N, C-alpha and C. Protein backbone atom coordinates (compact mmCIF):
# COMPACT_ATOMS: atom_id res chain seq x y z
N MET A 1 -60.81 -31.87 65.52
CA MET A 1 -61.43 -32.68 64.50
C MET A 1 -62.91 -32.33 64.43
N GLU A 2 -63.39 -32.12 63.24
CA GLU A 2 -64.79 -31.77 63.01
C GLU A 2 -65.54 -33.00 62.53
N LYS A 3 -66.78 -33.20 63.03
CA LYS A 3 -67.59 -34.33 62.62
C LYS A 3 -68.79 -33.84 61.85
N LYS A 4 -69.12 -34.57 60.80
CA LYS A 4 -70.33 -34.29 60.04
C LYS A 4 -71.03 -35.62 59.82
N LYS A 5 -72.35 -35.60 59.86
CA LYS A 5 -73.12 -36.81 59.58
C LYS A 5 -73.83 -36.64 58.26
N ARG A 6 -73.88 -37.71 57.49
CA ARG A 6 -74.65 -37.70 56.27
C ARG A 6 -75.23 -39.08 56.07
N THR A 7 -76.26 -39.16 55.31
CA THR A 7 -76.84 -40.46 55.03
C THR A 7 -76.63 -40.79 53.58
N GLY A 8 -76.46 -42.06 53.34
CA GLY A 8 -76.34 -42.58 51.98
C GLY A 8 -77.44 -43.60 51.79
N VAL A 9 -77.44 -44.23 50.66
CA VAL A 9 -78.45 -45.25 50.40
C VAL A 9 -77.74 -46.50 49.93
N ARG A 10 -78.06 -47.61 50.57
CA ARG A 10 -77.53 -48.90 50.16
C ARG A 10 -78.25 -49.35 48.91
N GLY A 11 -77.76 -50.43 48.33
CA GLY A 11 -78.38 -50.99 47.15
C GLY A 11 -79.84 -51.35 47.37
N ASN A 12 -80.21 -51.69 48.60
CA ASN A 12 -81.61 -52.03 48.88
C ASN A 12 -82.43 -50.82 49.31
N ALA A 13 -81.90 -49.63 49.11
CA ALA A 13 -82.57 -48.35 49.37
C ALA A 13 -82.77 -48.04 50.85
N ASP A 14 -82.10 -48.76 51.75
CA ASP A 14 -82.15 -48.42 53.17
C ASP A 14 -81.15 -47.31 53.44
N PRO A 15 -81.54 -46.28 54.21
CA PRO A 15 -80.57 -45.23 54.52
C PRO A 15 -79.45 -45.77 55.40
N VAL A 16 -78.26 -45.28 55.18
CA VAL A 16 -77.09 -45.70 55.93
C VAL A 16 -76.47 -44.46 56.54
N LEU A 17 -76.17 -44.51 57.84
CA LEU A 17 -75.52 -43.39 58.51
C LEU A 17 -74.03 -43.45 58.25
N HIS A 18 -73.47 -42.38 57.74
CA HIS A 18 -72.02 -42.28 57.53
C HIS A 18 -71.52 -41.13 58.39
N GLU A 19 -70.40 -41.31 59.01
CA GLU A 19 -69.77 -40.27 59.79
C GLU A 19 -68.57 -39.79 59.02
N GLU A 20 -68.49 -38.51 58.77
CA GLU A 20 -67.32 -37.94 58.12
C GLU A 20 -66.50 -37.21 59.17
N HIS A 21 -65.22 -37.45 59.16
CA HIS A 21 -64.30 -36.79 60.08
C HIS A 21 -63.32 -35.99 59.25
N VAL A 22 -63.18 -34.73 59.57
CA VAL A 22 -62.21 -33.89 58.89
C VAL A 22 -60.99 -33.79 59.80
N HIS A 23 -59.86 -34.24 59.30
CA HIS A 23 -58.62 -34.20 60.07
C HIS A 23 -57.71 -33.15 59.46
N VAL A 24 -57.21 -32.24 60.29
CA VAL A 24 -56.23 -31.26 59.84
C VAL A 24 -54.90 -31.68 60.44
N HIS A 25 -53.92 -31.90 59.60
CA HIS A 25 -52.62 -32.38 60.05
C HIS A 25 -51.63 -31.23 60.15
N GLU A 26 -50.60 -31.46 60.95
CA GLU A 26 -49.59 -30.43 61.19
C GLU A 26 -48.91 -29.98 59.89
N HIS A 27 -48.81 -30.89 58.92
CA HIS A 27 -48.13 -30.54 57.68
C HIS A 27 -49.05 -29.82 56.70
N GLY A 28 -50.25 -29.42 57.15
CA GLY A 28 -51.04 -28.48 56.41
C GLY A 28 -52.18 -28.99 55.56
N HIS A 29 -52.29 -30.29 55.31
CA HIS A 29 -53.41 -30.72 54.48
C HIS A 29 -54.47 -31.41 55.33
N THR A 30 -55.65 -31.54 54.77
CA THR A 30 -56.76 -32.13 55.51
C THR A 30 -57.25 -33.37 54.78
N HIS A 31 -57.88 -34.25 55.53
CA HIS A 31 -58.50 -35.44 54.98
C HIS A 31 -59.94 -35.49 55.47
N VAL A 32 -60.84 -35.92 54.63
CA VAL A 32 -62.21 -36.19 55.05
C VAL A 32 -62.37 -37.70 54.97
N HIS A 33 -62.63 -38.33 56.10
CA HIS A 33 -62.77 -39.78 56.16
C HIS A 33 -64.24 -40.13 56.41
N THR A 34 -64.73 -41.09 55.68
CA THR A 34 -66.10 -41.55 55.88
C THR A 34 -66.06 -42.88 56.62
N HIS A 35 -66.80 -42.96 57.72
CA HIS A 35 -66.89 -44.18 58.50
C HIS A 35 -68.28 -44.77 58.29
N THR A 36 -68.33 -45.91 57.63
CA THR A 36 -69.62 -46.51 57.28
C THR A 36 -70.18 -47.39 58.39
N GLN A 37 -69.38 -47.71 59.39
CA GLN A 37 -69.81 -48.65 60.42
C GLN A 37 -70.12 -47.99 61.76
N THR A 38 -70.28 -46.68 61.78
CA THR A 38 -70.50 -45.97 63.04
C THR A 38 -71.71 -46.50 63.80
N LYS A 39 -72.82 -46.66 63.12
CA LYS A 39 -74.04 -47.13 63.78
C LYS A 39 -73.85 -48.54 64.33
N ALA A 40 -73.24 -49.42 63.56
CA ALA A 40 -73.00 -50.79 64.02
C ALA A 40 -72.08 -50.81 65.24
N VAL A 41 -71.04 -49.98 65.22
CA VAL A 41 -70.12 -49.91 66.36
C VAL A 41 -70.84 -49.41 67.60
N LEU A 42 -71.62 -48.34 67.46
CA LEU A 42 -72.35 -47.79 68.61
C LEU A 42 -73.36 -48.79 69.16
N ASN A 43 -74.05 -49.52 68.29
CA ASN A 43 -75.00 -50.54 68.76
C ASN A 43 -74.29 -51.64 69.52
N ARG A 44 -73.18 -52.12 68.98
CA ARG A 44 -72.42 -53.17 69.66
C ARG A 44 -71.87 -52.68 71.01
N MET A 45 -71.43 -51.43 71.04
CA MET A 45 -70.90 -50.90 72.30
C MET A 45 -72.00 -50.77 73.34
N ALA A 46 -73.19 -50.39 72.93
CA ALA A 46 -74.32 -50.31 73.87
C ALA A 46 -74.62 -51.68 74.46
N ARG A 47 -74.60 -52.71 73.63
CA ARG A 47 -74.82 -54.08 74.13
C ARG A 47 -73.70 -54.50 75.06
N LEU A 48 -72.45 -54.12 74.71
CA LEU A 48 -71.31 -54.45 75.55
C LEU A 48 -71.43 -53.81 76.93
N ILE A 49 -71.84 -52.56 76.95
CA ILE A 49 -72.01 -51.87 78.23
C ILE A 49 -73.05 -52.58 79.09
N GLY A 50 -74.15 -52.96 78.47
CA GLY A 50 -75.18 -53.70 79.20
C GLY A 50 -74.68 -55.03 79.71
N HIS A 51 -73.92 -55.74 78.88
CA HIS A 51 -73.36 -57.02 79.28
C HIS A 51 -72.39 -56.85 80.45
N LEU A 52 -71.55 -55.84 80.37
CA LEU A 52 -70.58 -55.59 81.44
C LEU A 52 -71.29 -55.22 82.74
N GLN A 53 -72.37 -54.45 82.65
CA GLN A 53 -73.14 -54.12 83.85
C GLN A 53 -73.75 -55.37 84.47
N SER A 54 -74.19 -56.31 83.63
CA SER A 54 -74.75 -57.54 84.19
C SER A 54 -73.66 -58.39 84.85
N VAL A 55 -72.44 -58.35 84.31
CA VAL A 55 -71.32 -59.05 84.95
C VAL A 55 -71.03 -58.41 86.30
N ARG A 56 -71.09 -57.11 86.36
CA ARG A 56 -70.88 -56.42 87.64
C ARG A 56 -71.92 -56.87 88.67
N ARG A 57 -73.18 -56.97 88.23
CA ARG A 57 -74.23 -57.43 89.14
C ARG A 57 -73.96 -58.86 89.60
N MET A 58 -73.44 -59.69 88.71
CA MET A 58 -73.10 -61.06 89.08
C MET A 58 -72.07 -61.07 90.21
N VAL A 59 -71.07 -60.20 90.10
CA VAL A 59 -70.04 -60.11 91.14
C VAL A 59 -70.66 -59.61 92.43
N GLU A 60 -71.50 -58.57 92.35
CA GLU A 60 -72.14 -58.02 93.54
C GLU A 60 -73.02 -59.06 94.24
N GLU A 61 -73.64 -59.93 93.46
CA GLU A 61 -74.51 -60.96 94.01
C GLU A 61 -73.76 -62.20 94.49
N GLY A 62 -72.43 -62.20 94.28
CA GLY A 62 -71.63 -63.33 94.74
C GLY A 62 -71.79 -64.58 93.88
N ARG A 63 -72.07 -64.41 92.61
CA ARG A 63 -72.27 -65.55 91.72
C ARG A 63 -70.98 -66.35 91.58
N ASP A 64 -71.12 -67.57 91.12
CA ASP A 64 -70.01 -68.49 90.96
C ASP A 64 -68.91 -67.87 90.08
N CYS A 65 -67.67 -68.00 90.54
CA CYS A 65 -66.53 -67.39 89.84
C CYS A 65 -66.42 -67.89 88.40
N SER A 66 -66.67 -69.16 88.18
CA SER A 66 -66.54 -69.69 86.81
C SER A 66 -67.58 -69.07 85.89
N GLU A 67 -68.78 -68.79 86.39
CA GLU A 67 -69.81 -68.12 85.59
C GLU A 67 -69.37 -66.69 85.26
N VAL A 68 -68.83 -66.00 86.25
CA VAL A 68 -68.37 -64.62 86.05
C VAL A 68 -67.23 -64.60 85.02
N LEU A 69 -66.28 -65.51 85.18
CA LEU A 69 -65.15 -65.56 84.24
C LEU A 69 -65.61 -65.85 82.82
N LEU A 70 -66.59 -66.72 82.67
CA LEU A 70 -67.13 -67.02 81.35
C LEU A 70 -67.74 -65.77 80.71
N GLN A 71 -68.47 -65.00 81.50
CA GLN A 71 -69.09 -63.77 80.99
C GLN A 71 -68.05 -62.69 80.69
N ILE A 72 -67.01 -62.63 81.51
CA ILE A 72 -65.91 -61.68 81.25
C ILE A 72 -65.24 -62.05 79.92
N SER A 73 -65.06 -63.33 79.69
CA SER A 73 -64.48 -63.78 78.42
C SER A 73 -65.36 -63.38 77.24
N ALA A 74 -66.67 -63.48 77.40
CA ALA A 74 -67.60 -63.09 76.33
C ALA A 74 -67.53 -61.58 76.07
N VAL A 75 -67.44 -60.79 77.13
CA VAL A 75 -67.31 -59.33 76.98
C VAL A 75 -66.01 -58.99 76.26
N ASP A 76 -64.93 -59.65 76.67
CA ASP A 76 -63.63 -59.42 76.05
C ASP A 76 -63.67 -59.74 74.55
N ALA A 77 -64.25 -60.86 74.18
CA ALA A 77 -64.35 -61.24 72.76
C ALA A 77 -65.20 -60.24 71.99
N ALA A 78 -66.29 -59.80 72.58
CA ALA A 78 -67.17 -58.84 71.90
C ALA A 78 -66.45 -57.51 71.71
N LEU A 79 -65.69 -57.07 72.70
CA LEU A 79 -64.94 -55.82 72.59
C LEU A 79 -63.88 -55.92 71.48
N LYS A 80 -63.21 -57.06 71.41
CA LYS A 80 -62.22 -57.25 70.34
C LYS A 80 -62.89 -57.22 68.98
N ASN A 81 -64.09 -57.76 68.88
CA ASN A 81 -64.80 -57.73 67.60
C ASN A 81 -65.18 -56.31 67.20
N VAL A 82 -65.54 -55.47 68.16
CA VAL A 82 -65.80 -54.05 67.87
C VAL A 82 -64.53 -53.40 67.34
N GLY A 83 -63.41 -53.69 67.97
CA GLY A 83 -62.14 -53.16 67.50
C GLY A 83 -61.83 -53.59 66.08
N LYS A 84 -62.14 -54.83 65.74
CA LYS A 84 -61.91 -55.32 64.38
C LYS A 84 -62.77 -54.57 63.37
N ILE A 85 -64.00 -54.28 63.74
CA ILE A 85 -64.89 -53.53 62.84
C ILE A 85 -64.33 -52.13 62.60
N ILE A 86 -63.90 -51.49 63.67
CA ILE A 86 -63.33 -50.14 63.55
C ILE A 86 -62.06 -50.18 62.70
N LEU A 87 -61.20 -51.16 62.94
CA LEU A 87 -59.96 -51.28 62.19
C LEU A 87 -60.23 -51.51 60.70
N LYS A 88 -61.15 -52.40 60.40
CA LYS A 88 -61.49 -52.69 59.01
C LYS A 88 -62.04 -51.44 58.32
N ASP A 89 -62.97 -50.75 58.99
CA ASP A 89 -63.55 -49.54 58.44
C ASP A 89 -62.46 -48.49 58.20
N HIS A 90 -61.56 -48.37 59.15
CA HIS A 90 -60.45 -47.41 59.04
C HIS A 90 -59.57 -47.73 57.84
N MET A 91 -59.26 -49.01 57.67
CA MET A 91 -58.41 -49.41 56.56
C MET A 91 -59.11 -49.21 55.21
N GLU A 92 -60.40 -49.50 55.16
CA GLU A 92 -61.14 -49.40 53.90
C GLU A 92 -61.37 -47.96 53.46
N HIS A 93 -61.36 -47.03 54.40
CA HIS A 93 -61.67 -45.65 54.06
C HIS A 93 -60.51 -44.72 54.35
N CYS A 94 -60.16 -44.56 55.59
CA CYS A 94 -59.15 -43.58 55.98
C CYS A 94 -57.78 -43.90 55.40
N ILE A 95 -57.38 -45.15 55.48
CA ILE A 95 -56.04 -45.50 55.02
C ILE A 95 -55.96 -45.47 53.50
N VAL A 96 -57.03 -45.86 52.83
CA VAL A 96 -57.05 -45.73 51.37
C VAL A 96 -56.82 -44.27 50.98
N ASP A 97 -57.51 -43.37 51.66
CA ASP A 97 -57.32 -41.93 51.39
C ASP A 97 -55.89 -41.51 51.70
N ALA A 98 -55.35 -42.00 52.81
CA ALA A 98 -53.99 -41.62 53.21
C ALA A 98 -52.97 -42.11 52.18
N VAL A 99 -53.15 -43.31 51.66
CA VAL A 99 -52.23 -43.83 50.65
C VAL A 99 -52.32 -42.98 49.38
N GLN A 100 -53.54 -42.65 48.98
CA GLN A 100 -53.72 -41.82 47.78
C GLN A 100 -53.07 -40.45 47.95
N ASP A 101 -53.09 -39.93 49.19
CA ASP A 101 -52.51 -38.62 49.46
C ASP A 101 -51.06 -38.70 49.91
N ASN A 102 -50.50 -39.92 49.93
CA ASN A 102 -49.12 -40.13 50.38
C ASN A 102 -48.90 -39.61 51.80
N ASP A 103 -49.87 -39.85 52.67
CA ASP A 103 -49.82 -39.39 54.06
C ASP A 103 -49.13 -40.46 54.92
N ARG A 104 -47.83 -40.34 55.03
CA ARG A 104 -47.05 -41.34 55.78
C ARG A 104 -47.34 -41.29 57.28
N GLU A 105 -47.73 -40.13 57.77
CA GLU A 105 -48.07 -40.01 59.20
C GLU A 105 -49.28 -40.88 59.54
N ALA A 106 -50.28 -40.87 58.68
CA ALA A 106 -51.47 -41.68 58.91
C ALA A 106 -51.12 -43.16 58.89
N LEU A 107 -50.23 -43.55 58.00
CA LEU A 107 -49.81 -44.95 57.94
C LEU A 107 -49.02 -45.34 59.19
N ALA A 108 -48.21 -44.43 59.69
CA ALA A 108 -47.46 -44.69 60.93
C ALA A 108 -48.40 -44.81 62.11
N ARG A 109 -49.44 -43.96 62.15
CA ARG A 109 -50.43 -44.04 63.24
C ARG A 109 -51.19 -45.36 63.16
N LEU A 110 -51.50 -45.82 61.95
CA LEU A 110 -52.17 -47.11 61.80
C LEU A 110 -51.29 -48.23 62.33
N GLU A 111 -50.04 -48.21 61.98
CA GLU A 111 -49.12 -49.25 62.45
C GLU A 111 -49.05 -49.26 63.98
N GLN A 112 -48.99 -48.08 64.58
CA GLN A 112 -48.95 -47.97 66.04
C GLN A 112 -50.25 -48.50 66.65
N ALA A 113 -51.39 -48.17 66.05
CA ALA A 113 -52.68 -48.63 66.55
C ALA A 113 -52.80 -50.14 66.46
N ILE A 114 -52.34 -50.72 65.35
CA ILE A 114 -52.38 -52.18 65.20
C ILE A 114 -51.51 -52.85 66.25
N ASP A 115 -50.33 -52.31 66.48
CA ASP A 115 -49.43 -52.87 67.52
C ASP A 115 -50.11 -52.90 68.87
N ARG A 116 -50.82 -51.83 69.21
CA ARG A 116 -51.51 -51.77 70.51
C ARG A 116 -52.72 -52.69 70.52
N PHE A 117 -53.43 -52.77 69.40
CA PHE A 117 -54.66 -53.56 69.32
C PHE A 117 -54.39 -55.06 69.47
N VAL A 118 -53.30 -55.55 68.90
CA VAL A 118 -53.04 -56.99 68.91
C VAL A 118 -52.35 -57.48 70.18
N ARG A 119 -52.06 -56.60 71.08
CA ARG A 119 -51.42 -57.02 72.35
C ARG A 119 -52.35 -57.88 73.15
């Protein structure tokens, strides 16, 4: 898979980072997918990593179990929210393209990903 970065402009003239992914499928055709939420996902993941590291320090310091569990729950919820952003972005861009191209494999992969995500 090849990645390309490009910037666009929002209605308020702020530059927006878009990630384009070129997918080559076994059946011979390619898709270029634009991901508009890459920067937001990366920012949220950076915060998640920091939060998880602080939970680790809590455990190392022997902090109260209920405090640790509360923070683990917060990390879990934040991670699920990142997944929702990725899923929404995927559906708004990649899957729309797949439907237009009648790419049943992409739709099957989406179904499989949703099944795993909602577990």
